[in-house]
Amino acid sequence: MIEAARAAKVAKIVYCSTVGVYGDTKGEVIDETYQRQQADFSSAYDETKLRAQELVNQAVADGMDIVSIMPSGIFGADDPHFGPVIKNFLKGRLRVWAGAIASQGLST
């Protein structure tokens, strides 16, 4: 896509990355200058998103105008991952979201 955009002389690209490219920061507050410390990957998605972000970063270094947005999660009506969790929470079947507790360093 980067090469196609370059060939078509696209003026600006907005790339939807993920905060996951930074890996496990062990609770450290980070910014865009943070360098990933985690060597392994939690999934193929995690690895491919990092590799894609590296290509985007190189294109920016080469002079392309690209903005990367890095959401931590995207919620939507048909989301297969978060949707069921939200529905269970709204029905009173989920009192605490374990991922939120883990990210706060608390135990269940």
C-alpha atoms as a PDB file:
ATOM      1  CA  MET A   1       0.000   0.000   0.000  1.00  0.00           C
ATOM      2  CA  ILE A   2       2.835   2.371   0.802  1.00  0.00           C
ATOM      3  CA  GLU A   3       4.432   1.793  -2.594  1.00  0.00           C
ATOM      4  CA  ALA A   4       1.076   2.205  -4.360  1.00  0.00           C
ATOM      5  CA  ALA A   5       0.469   5.461  -2.470  1.00  0.00           C
ATOM      6  CA  ARG A   6       3.948   6.675  -3.336  1.00  0.00           C
ATOM      7  CA  ALA A   7       3.443   5.829  -7.028  1.00  0.00           C
ATOM      8  CA  ALA A   8       0.054   7.559  -7.049  1.00  0.00           C
ATOM      9  CA  LYS A   9       1.574  10.604  -5.328  1.00  0.00           C
ATOM     10  CA  VAL A  10      -0.896  10.405  -2.429  1.00  0.00           C
ATOM     11  CA  ALA A  11      -0.349  13.516  -0.309  1.00  0.00           C
ATOM     12  CA  LYS A  12      -1.114  12.025   3.109  1.00  0.00           C
ATOM     13  CA  ILE A  13      -1.919   8.634   4.625  1.00  0.00           C
ATOM     14  CA  VAL A  14      -3.668   7.884   7.903  1.00  0.00           C
ATOM     15  CA  TYR A  15      -2.653   4.417   9.104  1.00  0.00           C
ATOM     16  CA  CYS A  16      -4.634   2.567  11.777  1.00  0.00           C
ATOM     17  CA  SER A  17      -2.009   0.818  13.855  1.00  0.00           C
ATOM     18  CA  THR A  18      -2.404  -0.362  17.458  1.00  0.00           C
ATOM     19  CA  VAL A  19      -0.906   0.458  20.823  1.00  0.00           C
ATOM     20  CA  GLY A  20       0.018  -3.247  20.830  1.00  0.00           C
ATOM     21  CA  VAL A  21       3.065  -2.489  18.658  1.00  0.00           C
ATOM     22  CA  TYR A  22       4.794  -1.348  21.843  1.00  0.00           C
ATOM     23  CA  GLY A  23       4.362  -4.765  23.464  1.00  0.00           C
ATOM     24  CA  ASP A  24       4.138  -5.195  27.210  1.00  0.00           C
ATOM     25  CA  THR A  25       5.361  -1.930  28.725  1.00  0.00           C
ATOM     26  CA  LYS A  26       5.044  -3.403  32.234  1.00  0.00           C
ATOM     27  CA  GLY A  27       2.891  -0.466  33.263  1.00  0.00           C
ATOM     28  CA  GLU A  28       5.362   2.201  32.157  1.00  0.00           C
ATOM     29  CA  VAL A  29       3.748   5.351  30.790  1.00  0.00           C
ATOM     30  CA  ILE A  30       5.107   5.724  27.266  1.00  0.00           C
ATOM     31  CA  ASP A  31       4.972   8.021  24.272  1.00  0.00           C
ATOM     32  CA  GLU A  32       5.713   7.543  20.569  1.00  0.00           C
ATOM     33  CA  THR A  33       9.480   7.516  21.203  1.00  0.00           C
ATOM     34  CA  TYR A  34       9.231   4.314  23.269  1.00  0.00           C
ATOM     35  CA  GLN A  35      11.168   1.388  21.831  1.00  0.00           C
ATOM     36  CA  ARG A  36       9.534  -2.030  22.190  1.00  0.00           C
ATOM     37  CA  GLN A  37      11.339  -4.159  24.785  1.00  0.00           C
ATOM     38  CA  GLN A  38       9.276  -7.339  24.413  1.00  0.00           C
ATOM     39  CA  ALA A  39      10.974  -9.738  21.997  1.00  0.00           C
ATOM     40  CA  ASP A  40       8.152 -12.251  21.575  1.00  0.00           C
ATOM     41  CA  PHE A  41       4.615 -11.752  20.307  1.00  0.00           C
ATOM     42  CA  SER A  42       1.230 -12.599  21.771  1.00  0.00           C
ATOM     43  CA  SER A  43      -0.174 -13.466  18.327  1.00  0.00           C
ATOM     44  CA  ALA A  44       0.471 -13.321  14.596  1.00  0.00           C
ATOM     45  CA  TYR A  45      -1.682 -10.166  14.588  1.00  0.00           C
ATOM     46  CA  ASP A  46       0.648  -8.560  17.133  1.00  0.00           C
ATOM     47  CA  GLU A  47       3.695  -9.369  15.022  1.00  0.00           C
ATOM     48  CA  THR A  48       2.209  -8.289  11.686  1.00  0.00           C
ATOM     49  CA  LYS A  49       1.010  -4.977  13.155  1.00  0.00           C
ATOM     50  CA  LEU A  50       4.535  -4.277  14.443  1.00  0.00           C
ATOM     51  CA  ARG A  51       6.081  -5.161  11.068  1.00  0.00           C
ATOM     52  CA  ALA A  52       3.570  -2.916   9.271  1.00  0.00           C
ATOM     53  CA  GLN A  53       4.286  -0.056  11.689  1.00  0.00           C
ATOM     54  CA  GLU A  54       8.007  -0.472  11.010  1.00  0.00           C
ATOM     55  CA  LEU A  55       7.312  -0.074   7.265  1.00  0.00           C
ATOM     56  CA  VAL A  56       5.227   3.026   7.980  1.00  0.00           C
ATOM     57  CA  ASN A  57       7.982   4.463  10.190  1.00  0.00           C
ATOM     58  CA  GLN A  58      10.531   3.886   7.415  1.00  0.00           C
ATOM     59  CA  ALA A  59       8.268   5.565   4.853  1.00  0.00           C
ATOM     60  CA  VAL A  60       7.947   8.572   7.176  1.00  0.00           C
ATOM     61  CA  ALA A  61      11.744   8.664   7.554  1.00  0.00           C
ATOM     62  CA  ASP A  62      11.920   8.629   3.729  1.00  0.00           C
ATOM     63  CA  GLY A  63       9.689  11.710   3.594  1.00  0.00           C
ATOM     64  CA  MET A  64       6.142  10.408   3.246  1.00  0.00           C
ATOM     65  CA  ASP A  65       3.410  12.218   5.191  1.00  0.00           C
ATOM     66  CA  ILE A  66       1.801   9.477   7.292  1.00  0.00           C
ATOM     67  CA  VAL A  67      -0.072   9.724  10.571  1.00  0.00           C
ATOM     68  CA  SER A  68      -0.406   6.568  12.663  1.00  0.00           C
ATOM     69  CA  ILE A  69      -3.298   6.284  15.063  1.00  0.00           C
ATOM     70  CA  MET A  70      -2.860   3.682  17.787  1.00  0.00           C
ATOM     71  CA  PRO A  71      -6.090   2.665  19.479  1.00  0.00           C
ATOM     72  CA  SER A  72      -5.928   0.120  22.272  1.00  0.00           C
ATOM     73  CA  GLY A  73      -9.240  -1.432  21.281  1.00  0.00           C
ATOM     74  CA  ILE A  74     -12.056  -0.683  18.906  1.00  0.00           C
ATOM     75  CA  PHE A  75     -15.586  -1.333  20.071  1.00  0.00           C
ATOM     76  CA  GLY A  76     -18.525  -1.807  17.758  1.00  0.00           C
ATOM     77  CA  ALA A  77     -21.891  -3.517  17.479  1.00  0.00           C
ATOM     78  CA  ASP A  78     -20.542  -6.487  15.522  1.00  0.00           C
ATOM     79  CA  ASP A  79     -17.146  -6.739  17.211  1.00  0.00           C
ATOM     80  CA  PRO A  80     -16.405 -10.457  17.774  1.00  0.00           C
ATOM     81  CA  HIS A  81     -14.006  -9.830  20.665  1.00  0.00           C
ATOM     82  CA  PHE A  82     -15.330  -7.005  22.825  1.00  0.00           C
ATOM     83  CA  GLY A  83     -18.984  -7.223  21.781  1.00  0.00           C
ATOM     84  CA  PRO A  84     -19.816 -10.361  23.805  1.00  0.00           C
ATOM     85  CA  VAL A  85     -17.985  -8.967  26.841  1.00  0.00           C
ATOM     86  CA  ILE A  86     -19.979  -5.731  26.712  1.00  0.00           C
ATOM     87  CA  LYS A  87     -23.261  -7.616  26.230  1.00  0.00           C
ATOM     88  CA  ASN A  88     -22.536  -9.833  29.257  1.00  0.00           C
ATOM     89  CA  PHE A  89     -21.639  -6.788  31.324  1.00  0.00           C
ATOM     90  CA  LEU A  90     -24.861  -5.000  30.348  1.00  0.00           C
ATOM     91  CA  LYS A  91     -26.878  -8.110  31.316  1.00  0.00           C
ATOM     92  CA  GLY A  92     -25.222  -8.133  34.744  1.00  0.00           C
ATOM     93  CA  ARG A  93     -23.307 -11.334  34.029  1.00  0.00           C
ATOM     94  CA  LEU A  94     -19.890  -9.714  34.186  1.00  0.00           C
ATOM     95  CA  ARG A  95     -19.179  -7.569  37.190  1.00  0.00           C
ATOM     96  CA  VAL A  96     -15.510  -6.888  36.431  1.00  0.00           C
ATOM     97  CA  TRP A  97     -13.531  -6.954  33.211  1.00  0.00           C
ATOM     98  CA  ALA A  98     -10.461  -9.048  34.069  1.00  0.00           C
ATOM     99  CA  GLY A  99      -8.316  -7.317  31.463  1.00  0.00           C
ATOM    100  CA  ALA A 100      -8.938  -3.987  33.166  1.00  0.00           C
ATOM    101  CA  ILE A 101      -7.886  -5.446  36.515  1.00  0.00           C
ATOM    102  CA  ALA A 102      -4.747  -6.996  35.039  1.00  0.00           C
ATOM    103  CA  SER A 103      -3.773  -3.708  33.415  1.00  0.00           C
ATOM    104  CA  GLN A 104      -4.073  -1.982  36.812  1.00  0.00           C
ATOM    105  CA  GLY A 105      -1.756  -4.527  38.413  1.00  0.00           C
ATOM    106  CA  LEU A 106      -4.535  -5.814  40.681  1.00  0.00           C
ATOM    107  CA  SER A 107      -5.412  -9.405  41.350  1.00  0.00           C
ATOM    108  CA  THR A 108      -8.861 -10.961  41.114  1.00  0.00           C
END
